[in-house]
Each structure stands twice: as structure tokens, then as C-alpha cells.
N, C-alpha and C. Protein backbone atom coordinates (compact mmCIF):
# COMPACT_ATOMS: atom_id res chain seq x y z
N MET A 1 0.83 -1.18 0.00
CA MET A 1 0.00 0.00 0.00
C MET A 1 0.88 1.25 0.00
N ASN A 2 1.97 1.19 0.72
CA ASN A 2 2.88 2.34 0.74
C ASN A 2 3.46 2.60 -0.63
N GLU A 3 3.77 1.53 -1.37
CA GLU A 3 4.31 1.70 -2.72
C GLU A 3 3.30 2.38 -3.63
N VAL A 4 2.03 2.03 -3.49
CA VAL A 4 0.99 2.66 -4.30
C VAL A 4 0.92 4.15 -3.97
N ALA A 5 0.91 4.48 -2.69
CA ALA A 5 0.83 5.87 -2.28
C ALA A 5 2.04 6.67 -2.74
N ALA A 6 3.20 6.03 -2.78
CA ALA A 6 4.42 6.71 -3.19
C ALA A 6 4.55 6.85 -4.70
N ASN A 7 3.72 6.14 -5.45
CA ASN A 7 3.83 6.14 -6.92
C ASN A 7 2.51 6.50 -7.61
N VAL A 8 1.77 7.39 -7.03
CA VAL A 8 0.44 7.74 -7.54
C VAL A 8 0.49 8.18 -9.00
N ASP A 9 1.53 8.87 -9.40
CA ASP A 9 1.62 9.40 -10.77
C ASP A 9 2.42 8.51 -11.72
N ASN A 10 2.88 7.36 -11.25
CA ASN A 10 3.71 6.48 -12.07
C ASN A 10 2.87 5.29 -12.54
N LYS A 11 2.27 5.43 -13.72
CA LYS A 11 1.36 4.40 -14.23
C LYS A 11 2.06 3.05 -14.40
N ALA A 12 3.29 3.05 -14.86
CA ALA A 12 4.01 1.79 -15.07
C ALA A 12 4.19 1.06 -13.74
N LYS A 13 4.55 1.79 -12.70
CA LYS A 13 4.74 1.16 -11.38
C LYS A 13 3.40 0.69 -10.83
N LEU A 14 2.35 1.47 -11.01
CA LEU A 14 1.03 1.07 -10.53
C LEU A 14 0.54 -0.19 -11.24
N ASP A 15 0.80 -0.28 -12.54
CA ASP A 15 0.43 -1.48 -13.29
C ASP A 15 1.20 -2.70 -12.77
N GLU A 16 2.48 -2.50 -12.45
CA GLU A 16 3.29 -3.59 -11.90
C GLU A 16 2.74 -4.04 -10.55
N LEU A 17 2.41 -3.09 -9.70
CA LEU A 17 1.87 -3.42 -8.38
C LEU A 17 0.51 -4.10 -8.49
N LYS A 18 -0.29 -3.67 -9.45
CA LYS A 18 -1.60 -4.28 -9.68
C LYS A 18 -1.44 -5.74 -10.08
N ALA A 19 -0.48 -6.01 -10.95
CA ALA A 19 -0.22 -7.39 -11.38
C ALA A 19 0.25 -8.24 -10.21
N GLN A 20 1.10 -7.68 -9.37
CA GLN A 20 1.58 -8.41 -8.19
C GLN A 20 0.42 -8.71 -7.24
N ALA A 21 -0.45 -7.74 -7.04
CA ALA A 21 -1.59 -7.93 -6.15
C ALA A 21 -2.54 -8.99 -6.71
N ALA A 22 -2.80 -8.96 -8.01
CA ALA A 22 -3.68 -9.95 -8.63
C ALA A 22 -3.12 -11.35 -8.48
N ALA A 23 -1.80 -11.50 -8.65
CA ALA A 23 -1.17 -12.81 -8.50
C ALA A 23 -1.30 -13.30 -7.06
N LEU A 24 -1.10 -12.42 -6.11
CA LEU A 24 -1.21 -12.80 -4.70
C LEU A 24 -2.65 -13.16 -4.33
N ILE A 25 -3.59 -12.34 -4.77
CA ILE A 25 -5.00 -12.58 -4.46
C ILE A 25 -5.48 -13.90 -5.04
N SER A 26 -4.99 -14.25 -6.22
CA SER A 26 -5.42 -15.50 -6.86
C SER A 26 -4.98 -16.73 -6.08
N GLU A 27 -4.00 -16.59 -5.21
CA GLU A 27 -3.53 -17.71 -4.39
C GLU A 27 -4.45 -17.99 -3.20
N PHE A 28 -5.36 -17.07 -2.91
CA PHE A 28 -6.24 -17.20 -1.76
C PHE A 28 -7.70 -17.05 -2.20
N PRO A 29 -8.31 -18.11 -2.72
CA PRO A 29 -9.70 -18.02 -3.19
C PRO A 29 -10.65 -17.71 -2.02
N LEU A 30 -11.74 -17.03 -2.33
CA LEU A 30 -12.71 -16.68 -1.30
C LEU A 30 -13.47 -17.89 -0.79
N TYR A 31 -13.68 -18.86 -1.66
CA TYR A 31 -14.43 -20.05 -1.29
C TYR A 31 -13.62 -21.29 -1.66
N PRO A 32 -13.69 -22.34 -0.86
CA PRO A 32 -12.96 -23.56 -1.20
C PRO A 32 -13.49 -24.19 -2.48
N GLU A 33 -12.63 -24.93 -3.16
CA GLU A 33 -13.02 -25.60 -4.39
C GLU A 33 -14.22 -26.51 -4.12
N GLY A 34 -15.22 -26.45 -4.98
CA GLY A 34 -16.42 -27.27 -4.84
C GLY A 34 -17.47 -26.71 -3.91
N TYR A 35 -17.26 -25.53 -3.37
CA TYR A 35 -18.17 -24.93 -2.40
C TYR A 35 -19.58 -24.76 -2.94
N PHE A 36 -19.71 -24.40 -4.22
CA PHE A 36 -21.02 -24.14 -4.79
C PHE A 36 -21.62 -25.35 -5.50
N GLU A 37 -20.94 -26.47 -5.47
CA GLU A 37 -21.48 -27.68 -6.11
C GLU A 37 -22.45 -28.37 -5.16
N ASP A 38 -23.56 -28.79 -5.70
CA ASP A 38 -24.57 -29.47 -4.86
C ASP A 38 -24.36 -30.94 -4.80
């Protein structure tokens, strides 16, 4: 979060941080596999 605040005007850095965040978030699904299967 500090890196985002420090690079508000740097689109390239923000895009890099966004990609890192997406990769990290994808490792922690909100629901376990098969949760919605009946």
C-alpha cells in the first residue's frame, strides 16, 4: 500500500503493483473448491 501511495503518478509502477496484487489474491480463493457444487 505504501508503494501505491508513493507512486500515484507512475502508471508503469502502478500497473506492476496491480499485477503483483492480482497474483497474490489469486492464491487465496474466497471459497474452497467445490463450495457451490450441490
